[in-house]
Amino acid sequence: MTPHTSDSLLALARNFMESRVLLTGAELGLFTLLANEPLGLEEAAARTGADRRALETLLDALAAQGLLVKEGGRWRTEPSVAPFLVDGAERSVLPMVLHAANLWNKWSHLTRKVVPAGAAGSESLAAFIGAMDVVAAPQADQIVAAVGAGGARRLLDVGGASGTYTLAFLRANPGMTATLFDRPAVVEMARVRIGAAGLLPRVTLAGGDFAADPLPPGHDLAFVSAIIHQNSPAENLALYARIHEALVPGGRIVIRDHVMEPDRTRPHAGALFAINMLVGTAGGGTYTFDEIAAALAQAGFERVRLVQAGERMDALVEAFKAHTAP
């Protein structure tokens, strides 16, 4: 047996996401519906009775998996899978897929079968913040190198969690200081970690809610890592406006997140992550460069640029606050 790595274990842990997208597509009869003719969103929503936003996100994820084909804003069943997923087809495995969907509900209770309800702990804030570090730490130094300091001296790490990126920026830029802004309970986690790294004298820890509170002013670089996918477009616009206020003239914002191709089916991980936001947030999702750029411009930023594309939430978008007021 090939030994596991951290990447293989994380892939194993997330495989259920791919399965759930397939199972939901089968339960909604999408493969049969789209086998004979491609349909646009309005037609597909009318025939299924589905919510438009949710259905579009699902259809794009199915296309990203190669189960549907998306062309010109219309979706159709991928011809190579149609014989196996269309109801009534001679070689259809759809009944077994639907049976697997029923098994999903039973398997979801496995933990409570092993440990009775009430004895097993639920995900805590500390576990979530720790998980974010597990994802961020292996790529933090490379991301910081791609961002570059650009002469910045004061970093604002918006929603900085336990400080993974704050630490990476400070290690790479000895003359830089930073403000880490996050909820008060998270800030205390960051205090322990940054203190252990010996860098607490260079960091201001600020507690608050970046979705509602003003951000500390006077910074020349704002880093927004894995935040915008949690938000609706309106929430992101408001966040960008608060960041604009927190930057000095000429300051720069850098966003790290999934940046989708215009058809929203690529990168594959971004299309799947949009499903995660569909089920986990009120209005979050993954966004195209044009959507991000338009919102940044509306918030007052200029010179918006895609610094790098990425397949694993490592795309970077930057923009600048004007040197002088208009």
C-alpha atoms as a PDB file:
ATOM      1  CA  MET A   1       0.000   0.000   0.000  1.00  0.00           C
ATOM      2  CA  THR A   2       1.295   3.453  -0.888  1.00  0.00           C
ATOM      3  CA  PRO A   3       1.889   5.511   2.269  1.00  0.00           C
ATOM      4  CA  HIS A   4      -0.484   8.419   2.746  1.00  0.00           C
ATOM      5  CA  THR A   5       0.643  12.028   2.591  1.00  0.00           C
ATOM      6  CA  SER A   6      -1.073  15.104   3.987  1.00  0.00           C
ATOM      7  CA  ASP A   7      -2.454  15.838   0.515  1.00  0.00           C
ATOM      8  CA  SER A   8      -3.795  12.307   0.031  1.00  0.00           C
ATOM      9  CA  LEU A   9      -5.462  12.348   3.441  1.00  0.00           C
ATOM     10  CA  LEU A  10      -7.114  15.696   2.757  1.00  0.00           C
ATOM     11  CA  ALA A  11      -8.273  14.433  -0.633  1.00  0.00           C
ATOM     12  CA  LEU A  12      -9.745  11.358   1.051  1.00  0.00           C
ATOM     13  CA  ALA A  13     -11.526  13.541   3.594  1.00  0.00           C
ATOM     14  CA  ARG A  14     -13.075  15.701   0.881  1.00  0.00           C
ATOM     15  CA  ASN A  15     -14.122  13.012  -1.572  1.00  0.00           C
ATOM     16  CA  PHE A  16     -17.660  13.193  -0.232  1.00  0.00           C
ATOM     17  CA  MET A  17     -18.076  16.589  -1.916  1.00  0.00           C
ATOM     18  CA  GLU A  18     -17.692  15.138  -5.397  1.00  0.00           C
ATOM     19  CA  SER A  19     -20.044  12.297  -4.500  1.00  0.00           C
ATOM     20  CA  ARG A  20     -22.706  14.607  -3.109  1.00  0.00           C
ATOM     21  CA  VAL A  21     -22.781  16.697  -6.284  1.00  0.00           C
ATOM     22  CA  LEU A  22     -23.322  13.554  -8.392  1.00  0.00           C
ATOM     23  CA  LEU A  23     -25.985  12.227  -6.015  1.00  0.00           C
ATOM     24  CA  THR A  24     -27.938  15.483  -6.007  1.00  0.00           C
ATOM     25  CA  GLY A  25     -27.788  15.676  -9.784  1.00  0.00           C
ATOM     26  CA  ALA A  26     -29.224  12.169  -9.924  1.00  0.00           C
ATOM     27  CA  GLU A  27     -31.924  12.855  -7.329  1.00  0.00           C
ATOM     28  CA  LEU A  28     -33.087  15.903  -9.293  1.00  0.00           C
ATOM     29  CA  GLY A  29     -33.168  13.920 -12.545  1.00  0.00           C
ATOM     30  CA  LEU A  30     -30.813  16.359 -14.223  1.00  0.00           C
ATOM     31  CA  PHE A  31     -28.992  13.814 -16.373  1.00  0.00           C
ATOM     32  CA  THR A  32     -32.251  12.573 -17.882  1.00  0.00           C
ATOM     33  CA  LEU A  33     -33.626  16.106 -18.232  1.00  0.00           C
ATOM     34  CA  LEU A  34     -30.553  17.358 -20.084  1.00  0.00           C
ATOM     35  CA  ALA A  35     -29.919  14.283 -22.220  1.00  0.00           C
ATOM     36  CA  ASN A  36     -32.091  15.187 -25.205  1.00  0.00           C
ATOM     37  CA  GLU A  37     -31.538  18.930 -25.455  1.00  0.00           C
ATOM     38  CA  PRO A  38     -29.387  21.560 -23.745  1.00  0.00           C
ATOM     39  CA  LEU A  39     -31.276  23.888 -21.434  1.00  0.00           C
ATOM     40  CA  GLY A  40     -30.543  27.343 -20.087  1.00  0.00           C
ATOM     41  CA  LEU A  41     -30.936  28.220 -16.429  1.00  0.00           C
ATOM     42  CA  GLU A  42     -34.466  29.581 -16.673  1.00  0.00           C
ATOM     43  CA  GLU A  43     -35.722  26.495 -18.519  1.00  0.00           C
ATOM     44  CA  ALA A  44     -33.988  24.090 -16.161  1.00  0.00           C
ATOM     45  CA  ALA A  45     -35.265  25.929 -13.092  1.00  0.00           C
ATOM     46  CA  ALA A  46     -38.810  25.953 -14.448  1.00  0.00           C
ATOM     47  CA  ARG A  47     -38.773  22.231 -15.154  1.00  0.00           C
ATOM     48  CA  THR A  48     -37.255  21.248 -11.808  1.00  0.00           C
ATOM     49  CA  GLY A  49     -38.785  23.885  -9.550  1.00  0.00           C
ATOM     50  CA  ALA A  50     -35.299  24.608  -8.244  1.00  0.00           C
ATOM     51  CA  ASP A  51     -33.895  27.810  -6.783  1.00  0.00           C
ATOM     52  CA  ARG A  52     -32.045  29.582  -9.627  1.00  0.00           C
ATOM     53  CA  ARG A  53     -28.865  30.450  -7.740  1.00  0.00           C
ATOM     54  CA  ALA A  54     -28.566  27.013  -6.196  1.00  0.00           C
ATOM     55  CA  LEU A  55     -29.321  25.231  -9.460  1.00  0.00           C
ATOM     56  CA  GLU A  56     -26.769  27.259 -11.409  1.00  0.00           C
ATOM     57  CA  THR A  57     -24.089  26.486  -8.834  1.00  0.00           C
ATOM     58  CA  LEU A  58     -24.942  22.785  -9.000  1.00  0.00           C
ATOM     59  CA  LEU A  59     -24.995  22.671 -12.810  1.00  0.00           C
ATOM     60  CA  ASP A  60     -21.601  24.351 -12.981  1.00  0.00           C
ATOM     61  CA  ALA A  61     -20.161  21.885 -10.469  1.00  0.00           C
ATOM     62  CA  LEU A  62     -21.530  18.954 -12.496  1.00  0.00           C
ATOM     63  CA  ALA A  63     -19.944  20.448 -15.608  1.00  0.00           C
ATOM     64  CA  ALA A  64     -16.647  20.861 -13.756  1.00  0.00           C
ATOM     65  CA  GLN A  65     -16.801  17.139 -12.937  1.00  0.00           C
ATOM     66  CA  GLY A  66     -17.298  16.268 -16.604  1.00  0.00           C
ATOM     67  CA  LEU A  67     -20.840  15.004 -16.051  1.00  0.00           C
ATOM     68  CA  LEU A  68     -22.456  17.877 -17.940  1.00  0.00           C
ATOM     69  CA  VAL A  69     -21.243  20.067 -20.789  1.00  0.00           C
ATOM     70  CA  LYS A  70     -21.744  23.830 -20.582  1.00  0.00           C
ATOM     71  CA  GLU A  71     -21.845  25.792 -23.813  1.00  0.00           C
ATOM     72  CA  GLY A  72     -23.217  29.271 -24.373  1.00  0.00           C
ATOM     73  CA  GLY A  73     -24.940  29.412 -21.009  1.00  0.00           C
ATOM     74  CA  ARG A  74     -26.735  26.096 -21.562  1.00  0.00           C
ATOM     75  CA  TRP A  75     -26.054  22.692 -20.054  1.00  0.00           C
ATOM     76  CA  ARG A  76     -26.442  19.207 -21.520  1.00  0.00           C
ATOM     77  CA  THR A  77     -25.568  15.738 -20.301  1.00  0.00           C
ATOM     78  CA  GLU A  78     -22.069  14.677 -21.283  1.00  0.00           C
ATOM     79  CA  PRO A  79     -22.640  12.093 -24.076  1.00  0.00           C
ATOM     80  CA  SER A  80     -20.141   9.626 -22.643  1.00  0.00           C
ATOM     81  CA  VAL A  81     -21.988   9.395 -19.304  1.00  0.00           C
ATOM     82  CA  ALA A  82     -25.542   9.552 -20.662  1.00  0.00           C
ATOM     83  CA  PRO A  83     -25.828   5.765 -21.199  1.00  0.00           C
ATOM     84  CA  PHE A  84     -25.127   5.256 -17.496  1.00  0.00           C
ATOM     85  CA  LEU A  85     -27.016   8.124 -15.840  1.00  0.00           C
ATOM     86  CA  VAL A  86     -30.163   8.549 -17.958  1.00  0.00           C
ATOM     87  CA  ASP A  87     -33.306   6.957 -16.601  1.00  0.00           C
ATOM     88  CA  GLY A  88     -34.344   3.901 -18.623  1.00  0.00           C
ATOM     89  CA  ALA A  89     -31.135   3.644 -20.641  1.00  0.00           C
ATOM     90  CA  GLU A  90     -30.118   0.042 -21.272  1.00  0.00           C
ATOM     91  CA  ARG A  91     -26.844   0.331 -19.339  1.00  0.00           C
ATOM     92  CA  SER A  92     -28.098   2.836 -16.767  1.00  0.00           C
ATOM     93  CA  VAL A  93     -26.650   2.638 -13.266  1.00  0.00           C
ATOM     94  CA  LEU A  94     -28.975   5.401 -12.107  1.00  0.00           C
ATOM     95  CA  PRO A  95     -30.951   3.111  -9.752  1.00  0.00           C
ATOM     96  CA  MET A  96     -27.737   2.235  -7.930  1.00  0.00           C
ATOM     97  CA  VAL A  97     -26.705   5.899  -7.767  1.00  0.00           C
ATOM     98  CA  LEU A  98     -30.085   6.745  -6.257  1.00  0.00           C
ATOM     99  CA  HIS A  99     -29.641   3.885  -3.796  1.00  0.00           C
ATOM    100  CA  ALA A 100     -26.279   5.414  -2.842  1.00  0.00           C
ATOM    101  CA  ALA A 101     -28.096   8.696  -2.205  1.00  0.00           C
ATOM    102  CA  ASN A 102     -30.325   6.859   0.271  1.00  0.00           C
ATOM    103  CA  LEU A 103     -27.283   5.278   1.904  1.00  0.00           C
ATOM    104  CA  TRP A 104     -25.766   8.754   2.287  1.00  0.00           C
ATOM    105  CA  ASN A 105     -28.359   9.632   4.900  1.00  0.00           C
ATOM    106  CA  LYS A 106     -27.576   6.529   6.941  1.00  0.00           C
ATOM    107  CA  TRP A 107     -23.800   6.870   6.668  1.00  0.00           C
ATOM    108  CA  SER A 108     -24.018  10.486   7.801  1.00  0.00           C
ATOM    109  CA  HIS A 109     -24.917   9.179  11.265  1.00  0.00           C
ATOM    110  CA  LEU A 110     -21.917   6.848  11.550  1.00  0.00           C
ATOM    111  CA  THR A 111     -20.158   8.897  14.221  1.00  0.00           C
ATOM    112  CA  ARG A 112     -23.252   8.890  16.427  1.00  0.00           C
ATOM    113  CA  LYS A 113     -23.568   5.135  15.942  1.00  0.00           C
ATOM    114  CA  VAL A 114     -20.034   4.696  17.279  1.00  0.00           C
ATOM    115  CA  VAL A 115     -20.362   7.331  20.010  1.00  0.00           C
ATOM    116  CA  PRO A 116     -23.895   8.110  21.234  1.00  0.00           C
ATOM    117  CA  ALA A 117     -25.327  11.530  20.548  1.00  0.00           C
ATOM    118  CA  GLY A 118     -24.180  14.074  23.063  1.00  0.00           C
ATOM    119  CA  ALA A 119     -20.860  12.382  23.731  1.00  0.00           C
ATOM    120  CA  ALA A 120     -19.196  13.351  20.446  1.00  0.00           C
ATOM    121  CA  GLY A 121     -17.990  16.924  20.270  1.00  0.00           C
ATOM    122  CA  SER A 122     -19.017  19.252  17.464  1.00  0.00           C
ATOM    123  CA  GLU A 123     -16.617  21.383  15.451  1.00  0.00           C
ATOM    124  CA  SER A 124     -15.347  24.215  17.607  1.00  0.00           C
ATOM    125  CA  LEU A 125     -13.947  27.585  16.698  1.00  0.00           C
ATOM    126  CA  ALA A 126     -10.473  26.368  17.594  1.00  0.00           C
ATOM    127  CA  ALA A 127     -10.846  23.383  15.261  1.00  0.00           C
ATOM    128  CA  PHE A 128     -11.993  25.615  12.399  1.00  0.00           C
ATOM    129  CA  ILE A 129      -9.122  28.065  12.868  1.00  0.00           C
ATOM    130  CA  GLY A 130      -6.700  25.163  13.110  1.00  0.00           C
ATOM    131  CA  ALA A 131      -8.098  23.724   9.884  1.00  0.00           C
ATOM    132  CA  MET A 132      -7.555  27.047   8.129  1.00  0.00           C
ATOM    133  CA  ASP A 133      -3.919  26.964   9.200  1.00  0.00           C
ATOM    134  CA  VAL A 134      -3.506  23.414   7.898  1.00  0.00           C
ATOM    135  CA  VAL A 135      -4.690  24.609   4.498  1.00  0.00           C
ATOM    136  CA  ALA A 136      -2.737  27.872   4.486  1.00  0.00           C
ATOM    137  CA  ALA A 137       0.604  26.931   6.015  1.00  0.00           C
ATOM    138  CA  PRO A 138       2.050  24.838   3.150  1.00  0.00           C
ATOM    139  CA  GLN A 139       1.563  27.626   0.622  1.00  0.00           C
ATOM    140  CA  ALA A 140       1.923  30.739   2.785  1.00  0.00           C
ATOM    141  CA  ASP A 141       5.540  31.492   1.917  1.00  0.00           C
ATOM    142  CA  GLN A 142       4.919  31.033  -1.810  1.00  0.00           C
ATOM    143  CA  ILE A 143       1.827  33.235  -1.676  1.00  0.00           C
ATOM    144  CA  VAL A 144       3.703  35.980   0.184  1.00  0.00           C
ATOM    145  CA  ALA A 145       6.526  35.807  -2.357  1.00  0.00           C
ATOM    146  CA  ALA A 146       4.020  36.157  -5.193  1.00  0.00           C
ATOM    147  CA  VAL A 147       2.349  39.120  -3.487  1.00  0.00           C
ATOM    148  CA  GLY A 148       5.640  40.889  -2.779  1.00  0.00           C
ATOM    149  CA  ALA A 149       5.917  43.684  -0.247  1.00  0.00           C
ATOM    150  CA  GLY A 150       6.189  46.380  -2.903  1.00  0.00           C
ATOM    151  CA  GLY A 151       7.693  48.722  -0.337  1.00  0.00           C
ATOM    152  CA  ALA A 152       4.803  48.249   2.095  1.00  0.00           C
ATOM    153  CA  ARG A 153       5.635  48.808   5.748  1.00  0.00           C
ATOM    154  CA  ARG A 154       2.285  48.301   7.495  1.00  0.00           C
ATOM    155  CA  LEU A 155       0.232  45.189   6.744  1.00  0.00           C
ATOM    156  CA  LEU A 156      -3.447  44.785   7.573  1.00  0.00           C
ATOM    157  CA  ASP A 157      -4.337  41.081   7.673  1.00  0.00           C
ATOM    158  CA  VAL A 158      -8.139  41.098   7.382  1.00  0.00           C
ATOM    159  CA  GLY A 159      -9.656  38.037   9.036  1.00  0.00           C
ATOM    160  CA  GLY A 160      -6.124  36.888   9.781  1.00  0.00           C
ATOM    161  CA  ALA A 161      -7.151  33.912  11.958  1.00  0.00           C
ATOM    162  CA  SER A 162      -4.237  32.527  13.986  1.00  0.00           C
ATOM    163  CA  GLY A 163      -1.668  34.510  12.011  1.00  0.00           C
ATOM    164  CA  THR A 164      -0.401  32.142   9.329  1.00  0.00           C
ATOM    165  CA  TYR A 165      -0.048  34.867   6.711  1.00  0.00           C
ATOM    166  CA  THR A 166       0.909  37.599   9.164  1.00  0.00           C
ATOM    167  CA  LEU A 167       3.852  35.467  10.244  1.00  0.00           C
ATOM    168  CA  ALA A 168       4.810  34.683   6.644  1.00  0.00           C
ATOM    169  CA  PHE A 169       4.777  38.374   5.684  1.00  0.00           C
ATOM    170  CA  LEU A 170       6.848  39.369   8.708  1.00  0.00           C
ATOM    171  CA  ARG A 171       9.399  36.617   8.129  1.00  0.00           C
ATOM    172  CA  ALA A 172       9.819  37.712   4.522  1.00  0.00           C
ATOM    173  CA  ASN A 173       9.945  41.444   5.312  1.00  0.00           C
ATOM    174  CA  PRO A 174      11.986  42.269   8.440  1.00  0.00           C
ATOM    175  CA  GLY A 175      11.041  45.965   8.328  1.00  0.00           C
ATOM    176  CA  MET A 176       7.304  45.349   8.200  1.00  0.00           C
ATOM    177  CA  THR A 177       4.796  45.606  11.033  1.00  0.00           C
ATOM    178  CA  ALA A 178       1.290  44.176  10.931  1.00  0.00           C
ATOM    179  CA  THR A 179      -2.218  44.516  12.292  1.00  0.00           C
ATOM    180  CA  LEU A 180      -4.161  41.271  12.506  1.00  0.00           C
ATOM    181  CA  PHE A 181      -7.907  41.902  12.594  1.00  0.00           C
ATOM    182  CA  ASP A 182     -10.357  39.154  13.516  1.00  0.00           C
ATOM    183  CA  ARG A 183     -12.982  38.296  16.083  1.00  0.00           C
ATOM    184  CA  PRO A 184     -11.765  38.765  19.667  1.00  0.00           C
ATOM    185  CA  ALA A 185     -11.696  35.036  20.473  1.00  0.00           C
ATOM    186  CA  VAL A 186      -9.644  34.352  17.351  1.00  0.00           C
ATOM    187  CA  VAL A 187      -7.274  37.202  18.128  1.00  0.00           C
ATOM    188  CA  GLU A 188      -6.404  35.498  21.405  1.00  0.00           C
ATOM    189  CA  MET A 189      -5.445  32.350  19.483  1.00  0.00           C
ATOM    190  CA  ALA A 190      -3.239  34.501  17.277  1.00  0.00           C
ATOM    191  CA  ARG A 191      -1.637  36.093  20.328  1.00  0.00           C
ATOM    192  CA  VAL A 192      -0.413  32.702  21.539  1.00  0.00           C
ATOM    193  CA  ARG A 193       0.891  31.620  18.162  1.00  0.00           C
ATOM    194  CA  ILE A 194       2.578  34.884  17.191  1.00  0.00           C
ATOM    195  CA  GLY A 195       4.051  35.152  20.673  1.00  0.00           C
ATOM    196  CA  ALA A 196       5.538  31.682  20.360  1.00  0.00           C
ATOM    197  CA  ALA A 197       7.159  32.788  17.102  1.00  0.00           C
ATOM    198  CA  GLY A 198       8.737  35.757  18.882  1.00  0.00           C
ATOM    199  CA  LEU A 199       7.077  38.303  16.580  1.00  0.00           C
ATOM    200  CA  LEU A 200       4.433  39.773  18.874  1.00  0.00           C
ATOM    201  CA  PRO A 201       6.305  43.118  19.240  1.00  0.00           C
ATOM    202  CA  ARG A 202       5.750  43.709  15.508  1.00  0.00           C
ATOM    203  CA  VAL A 203       2.026  42.896  15.546  1.00  0.00           C
ATOM    204  CA  THR A 204      -1.024  44.832  16.677  1.00  0.00           C
ATOM    205  CA  LEU A 205      -3.905  42.511  17.480  1.00  0.00           C
ATOM    206  CA  ALA A 206      -7.311  44.089  16.865  1.00  0.00           C
ATOM    207  CA  GLY A 207     -10.596  42.392  17.700  1.00  0.00           C
ATOM    208  CA  GLY A 208     -13.780  43.069  15.786  1.00  0.00           C
ATOM    209  CA  ASP A 209     -16.105  41.959  13.039  1.00  0.00           C
ATOM    210  CA  PHE A 210     -14.772  42.739   9.558  1.00  0.00           C
ATOM    211  CA  ALA A 211     -18.317  42.357   8.214  1.00  0.00           C
ATOM    212  CA  ALA A 212     -19.548  45.320  10.248  1.00  0.00           C
ATOM    213  CA  ASP A 213     -16.812  47.229  12.066  1.00  0.00           C
ATOM    214  CA  PRO A 214     -14.432  49.876  10.713  1.00  0.00           C
ATOM    215  CA  LEU A 215     -10.942  48.529  10.121  1.00  0.00           C
ATOM    216  CA  PRO A 216      -7.852  50.053  11.771  1.00  0.00           C
ATOM    217  CA  PRO A 217      -6.509  52.838   9.518  1.00  0.00           C
ATOM    218  CA  GLY A 218      -3.055  53.764   8.292  1.00  0.00           C
ATOM    219  CA  HIS A 219      -1.969  50.659   6.378  1.00  0.00           C
ATOM    220  CA  ASP A 220      -0.298  50.447   2.988  1.00  0.00           C
ATOM    221  CA  LEU A 221      -1.054  46.775   2.267  1.00  0.00           C
ATOM    222  CA  ALA A 222      -4.264  44.904   3.070  1.00  0.00           C
ATOM    223  CA  PHE A 223      -4.295  41.125   2.651  1.00  0.00           C
ATOM    224  CA  VAL A 224      -7.689  39.427   2.343  1.00  0.00           C
ATOM    225  CA  SER A 225      -7.181  35.683   2.409  1.00  0.00           C
ATOM    226  CA  ALA A 226     -10.007  33.189   1.839  1.00  0.00           C
ATOM    227  CA  ILE A 227     -12.657  35.716   2.868  1.00  0.00           C
ATOM    228  CA  ILE A 228     -14.626  36.843  -0.163  1.00  0.00           C
ATOM    229  CA  HIS A 229     -16.095  33.408  -0.919  1.00  0.00           C
ATOM    230  CA  GLN A 230     -17.989  33.597   2.390  1.00  0.00           C
ATOM    231  CA  ASN A 231     -19.745  36.790   1.315  1.00  0.00           C
ATOM    232  CA  SER A 232     -22.481  37.825  -1.054  1.00  0.00           C
ATOM    233  CA  PRO A 233     -21.548  40.391  -3.714  1.00  0.00           C
ATOM    234  CA  ALA A 234     -23.096  43.165  -1.604  1.00  0.00           C
ATOM    235  CA  GLU A 235     -21.136  42.063   1.468  1.00  0.00           C
ATOM    236  CA  ASN A 236     -17.894  42.056  -0.511  1.00  0.00           C
ATOM    237  CA  LEU A 237     -18.545  45.535  -1.846  1.00  0.00           C
ATOM    238  CA  ALA A 238     -19.048  46.792   1.710  1.00  0.00           C
ATOM    239  CA  LEU A 239     -15.867  45.027   2.842  1.00  0.00           C
ATOM    240  CA  TYR A 240     -13.826  46.511   0.007  1.00  0.00           C
ATOM    241  CA  ALA A 241     -15.101  49.973   0.948  1.00  0.00           C
ATOM    242  CA  ARG A 242     -14.000  49.489   4.574  1.00  0.00           C
ATOM    243  CA  ILE A 243     -10.581  48.293   3.416  1.00  0.00           C
ATOM    244  CA  HIS A 244     -10.299  51.298   1.090  1.00  0.00           C
ATOM    245  CA  GLU A 245     -10.838  53.553   4.109  1.00  0.00           C
ATOM    246  CA  ALA A 246      -8.175  51.699   6.111  1.00  0.00           C
ATOM    247  CA  LEU A 247      -5.478  52.147   3.447  1.00  0.00           C
ATOM    248  CA  VAL A 248      -3.273  55.191   3.042  1.00  0.00           C
ATOM    249  CA  PRO A 249      -3.257  56.882  -0.399  1.00  0.00           C
ATOM    250  CA  GLY A 250      -1.442  54.601  -2.828  1.00  0.00           C
ATOM    251  CA  GLY A 251      -2.073  51.580  -0.611  1.00  0.00           C
ATOM    252  CA  ARG A 252      -2.725  48.148  -2.092  1.00  0.00           C
ATOM    253  CA  ILE A 253      -5.288  45.424  -1.471  1.00  0.00           C
ATOM    254  CA  VAL A 254      -4.444  41.801  -2.336  1.00  0.00           C
ATOM    255  CA  ILE A 255      -7.152  39.144  -2.384  1.00  0.00           C
ATOM    256  CA  ARG A 256      -6.359  35.425  -2.210  1.00  0.00           C
ATOM    257  CA  ASP A 257      -9.218  33.180  -3.210  1.00  0.00           C
ATOM    258  CA  HIS A 258     -10.670  31.090  -5.999  1.00  0.00           C
ATOM    259  CA  VAL A 259     -10.942  33.194  -9.159  1.00  0.00           C
ATOM    260  CA  MET A 260     -13.255  31.528 -11.645  1.00  0.00           C
ATOM    261  CA  GLU A 261     -13.039  31.457 -15.423  1.00  0.00           C
ATOM    262  CA  PRO A 262     -15.975  33.235 -17.092  1.00  0.00           C
ATOM    263  CA  ASP A 263     -17.951  29.995 -17.563  1.00  0.00           C
ATOM    264  CA  ARG A 264     -17.587  29.186 -13.828  1.00  0.00           C
ATOM    265  CA  THR A 265     -16.675  25.550 -14.414  1.00  0.00           C
ATOM    266  CA  ARG A 266     -12.929  26.155 -13.999  1.00  0.00           C
ATOM    267  CA  PRO A 267     -10.959  25.778 -11.866  1.00  0.00           C
ATOM    268  CA  HIS A 268     -12.602  22.518 -10.869  1.00  0.00           C
ATOM    269  CA  ALA A 269     -11.891  23.072  -7.171  1.00  0.00           C
ATOM    270  CA  GLY A 270     -13.546  26.481  -7.338  1.00  0.00           C
ATOM    271  CA  ALA A 271     -16.719  25.116  -8.903  1.00  0.00           C
ATOM    272  CA  LEU A 272     -16.916  22.484  -6.176  1.00  0.00           C
ATOM    273  CA  PHE A 273     -16.148  25.047  -3.486  1.00  0.00           C
ATOM    274  CA  ALA A 274     -19.079  27.129  -4.674  1.00  0.00           C
ATOM    275  CA  ILE A 275     -21.279  24.209  -3.589  1.00  0.00           C
ATOM    276  CA  ASN A 276     -19.617  24.337  -0.168  1.00  0.00           C
ATOM    277  CA  MET A 277     -20.569  28.012   0.092  1.00  0.00           C
ATOM    278  CA  LEU A 278     -24.083  27.306  -1.196  1.00  0.00           C
ATOM    279  CA  VAL A 279     -24.760  24.900   1.665  1.00  0.00           C
ATOM    280  CA  GLY A 280     -22.692  26.719   4.291  1.00  0.00           C
ATOM    281  CA  THR A 281     -23.422  30.434   3.856  1.00  0.00           C
ATOM    282  CA  ALA A 282     -26.365  32.695   3.172  1.00  0.00           C
ATOM    283  CA  GLY A 283     -24.990  34.269   0.012  1.00  0.00           C
ATOM    284  CA  GLY A 284     -21.387  33.173  -0.538  1.00  0.00           C
ATOM    285  CA  GLY A 285     -19.857  31.673  -3.655  1.00  0.00           C
ATOM    286  CA  THR A 286     -16.848  31.835  -5.914  1.00  0.00           C
ATOM    287  CA  TYR A 287     -16.338  34.796  -8.219  1.00  0.00           C
ATOM    288  CA  THR A 288     -14.859  35.576 -11.602  1.00  0.00           C
ATOM    289  CA  PHE A 289     -12.100  38.119 -12.055  1.00  0.00           C
ATOM    290  CA  ASP A 290     -14.508  40.503 -13.766  1.00  0.00           C
ATOM    291  CA  GLU A 291     -16.899  40.335 -10.802  1.00  0.00           C
ATOM    292  CA  ILE A 292     -14.098  40.973  -8.316  1.00  0.00           C
ATOM    293  CA  ALA A 293     -12.650  43.782 -10.428  1.00  0.00           C
ATOM    294  CA  ALA A 294     -16.008  45.512 -10.853  1.00  0.00           C
ATOM    295  CA  ALA A 295     -16.676  45.480  -7.100  1.00  0.00           C
ATOM    296  CA  LEU A 296     -13.186  46.780  -6.306  1.00  0.00           C
ATOM    297  CA  ALA A 297     -13.624  49.613  -8.793  1.00  0.00           C
ATOM    298  CA  GLN A 298     -17.011  50.461  -7.325  1.00  0.00           C
ATOM    299  CA  ALA A 299     -15.374  50.656  -3.878  1.00  0.00           C
ATOM    300  CA  GLY A 300     -12.864  53.195  -5.206  1.00  0.00           C
ATOM    301  CA  PHE A 301      -9.891  51.027  -6.163  1.00  0.00           C
ATOM    302  CA  GLU A 302      -7.987  51.337  -9.424  1.00  0.00           C
ATOM    303  CA  ARG A 303      -5.410  49.357 -11.429  1.00  0.00           C
ATOM    304  CA  VAL A 304      -7.056  46.007 -10.680  1.00  0.00           C
ATOM    305  CA  ARG A 305      -4.925  43.104 -11.873  1.00  0.00           C
ATOM    306  CA  LEU A 306      -4.879  39.310 -11.693  1.00  0.00           C
ATOM    307  CA  VAL A 307      -1.462  38.654 -10.174  1.00  0.00           C
ATOM    308  CA  GLN A 308      -1.731  34.894 -10.605  1.00  0.00           C
ATOM    309  CA  ALA A 309      -4.353  32.333 -11.484  1.00  0.00           C
ATOM    310  CA  GLY A 310      -4.626  29.234  -9.334  1.00  0.00           C
ATOM    311  CA  GLU A 311      -6.240  25.839  -9.000  1.00  0.00           C
ATOM    312  CA  ARG A 312      -6.242  25.557  -5.189  1.00  0.00           C
ATOM    313  CA  MET A 313      -7.594  28.856  -3.874  1.00  0.00           C
ATOM    314  CA  ASP A 314      -4.206  30.394  -4.611  1.00  0.00           C
ATOM    315  CA  ALA A 315      -5.291  32.972  -7.176  1.00  0.00           C
ATOM    316  CA  LEU A 316      -4.313  36.559  -6.332  1.00  0.00           C
ATOM    317  CA  VAL A 317      -5.986  39.824  -7.323  1.00  0.00           C
ATOM    318  CA  GLU A 318      -4.512  43.222  -6.477  1.00  0.00           C
ATOM    319  CA  ALA A 319      -5.782  46.788  -6.707  1.00  0.00           C
ATOM    320  CA  PHE A 320      -4.650  50.206  -5.479  1.00  0.00           C
ATOM    321  CA  LYS A 321      -6.115  53.183  -3.678  1.00  0.00           C
ATOM    322  CA  ALA A 322      -5.450  56.356  -5.611  1.00  0.00           C
ATOM    323  CA  HIS A 323      -2.512  58.473  -4.447  1.00  0.00           C
ATOM    324  CA  THR A 324      -4.733  61.530  -4.279  1.00  0.00           C
ATOM    325  CA  ALA A 325      -8.439  61.973  -3.747  1.00  0.00           C
ATOM    326  CA  PRO A 326     -10.446  62.411  -6.977  1.00  0.00           C
END
